[in-house]
Amino acid sequence: MTLFTPEDLLLYIYKEVSPTQAVAIEAAMAQDWALREKLEILQSSIDRLDTAVESPRTEVILNVLNYARETDTVPAH
């Protein structure tokens, strides 16, 4: 059985492997539950990264803007 690295699995997920290698990975997954688990973990991590968009609280943004205003070093004309 061929050992596949996490990098191989990432390439498989993004469809950047050759058709021959894709078939080999699929055949290995049919036989090896641990490899299937690794692929599922990688896929779920990618899915979470794709949806993990957070914005700072409004209070934080206002604090940064107030600080910038207070420390403005451009002389007034």
Protein backbone atom coordinates (compact mmCIF):
# COMPACT_ATOMS: atom_id res chain seq x y z
CA MET A 1 0.00 0.00 0.00
CA THR A 2 1.27 3.46 -0.91
CA LEU A 3 1.59 5.98 1.91
CA PHE A 4 0.04 9.34 1.16
CA THR A 5 1.15 12.52 2.88
CA PRO A 6 -1.16 15.32 4.01
CA GLU A 7 0.20 17.30 1.06
CA ASP A 8 -0.95 14.54 -1.30
CA LEU A 9 -4.40 14.68 0.26
CA LEU A 10 -4.56 18.46 -0.09
CA LEU A 11 -3.62 18.18 -3.75
CA TYR A 12 -6.36 15.55 -4.12
CA ILE A 13 -8.94 17.82 -2.46
CA TYR A 14 -8.03 20.67 -4.81
CA LYS A 15 -7.98 18.28 -7.80
CA GLU A 16 -4.34 18.97 -8.52
CA VAL A 17 -3.21 15.35 -8.79
CA SER A 18 -2.91 13.29 -11.91
CA PRO A 19 -5.83 11.00 -12.76
CA THR A 20 -3.60 8.02 -11.94
CA GLN A 21 -2.77 9.39 -8.51
CA ALA A 22 -6.42 10.27 -7.86
CA VAL A 23 -7.39 6.66 -8.57
CA ALA A 24 -4.60 5.42 -6.29
CA ILE A 25 -5.73 7.70 -3.44
CA GLU A 26 -9.36 6.63 -3.87
CA ALA A 27 -8.36 2.95 -3.87
CA ALA A 28 -6.27 3.48 -0.73
CA MET A 29 -9.17 5.25 0.99
CA ALA A 30 -11.45 2.31 0.18
CA GLN A 31 -9.06 0.08 2.14
CA ASP A 32 -7.77 2.42 4.86
CA TRP A 33 -10.22 4.08 7.25
CA ALA A 34 -7.43 6.18 8.84
CA LEU A 35 -6.67 7.74 5.46
CA ARG A 36 -10.38 8.52 4.98
CA GLU A 37 -10.42 10.15 8.43
CA LYS A 38 -7.38 12.28 7.55
CA LEU A 39 -9.03 13.40 4.34
CA GLU A 40 -12.28 14.26 6.15
CA ILE A 41 -10.39 16.27 8.78
CA LEU A 42 -8.50 18.20 6.11
CA GLN A 43 -11.72 18.85 4.20
CA SER A 44 -13.59 20.06 7.28
CA SER A 45 -10.67 22.32 8.20
CA ILE A 46 -10.72 23.84 4.73
CA ASP A 47 -14.50 24.31 4.96
CA ARG A 48 -14.14 26.11 8.31
CA LEU A 49 -11.40 28.36 6.93
CA ASP A 50 -13.60 29.28 4.00
CA THR A 51 -16.44 30.34 6.30
CA ALA A 52 -14.45 31.83 9.18
CA VAL A 53 -14.86 35.50 8.48
CA GLU A 54 -15.04 37.66 11.56
CA SER A 55 -15.18 41.39 11.99
CA PRO A 56 -13.81 43.34 14.94
CA ARG A 57 -16.29 44.79 17.38
CA THR A 58 -17.43 48.35 16.67
CA GLU A 59 -15.87 49.44 19.98
CA VAL A 60 -12.44 48.25 18.81
CA ILE A 61 -12.72 50.11 15.52
CA LEU A 62 -13.77 53.30 17.30
CA ASN A 63 -10.87 52.97 19.75
CA VAL A 64 -8.40 52.66 16.87
CA LEU A 65 -9.89 55.65 15.06
CA ASN A 66 -9.87 57.75 18.26
CA TYR A 67 -6.26 56.80 18.93
CA ALA A 68 -5.29 57.73 15.38
CA ARG A 69 -7.07 61.06 15.72
CA GLU A 70 -5.34 61.80 19.05
CA THR A 71 -1.88 60.93 17.77
CA ASP A 72 -2.18 62.67 14.44
CA THR A 73 1.22 64.27 13.83
CA VAL A 74 0.29 66.25 10.73
CA PRO A 75 0.45 69.94 11.71
CA ALA A 76 -2.72 71.94 11.20
CA HIS A 77 -2.45 74.89 8.80
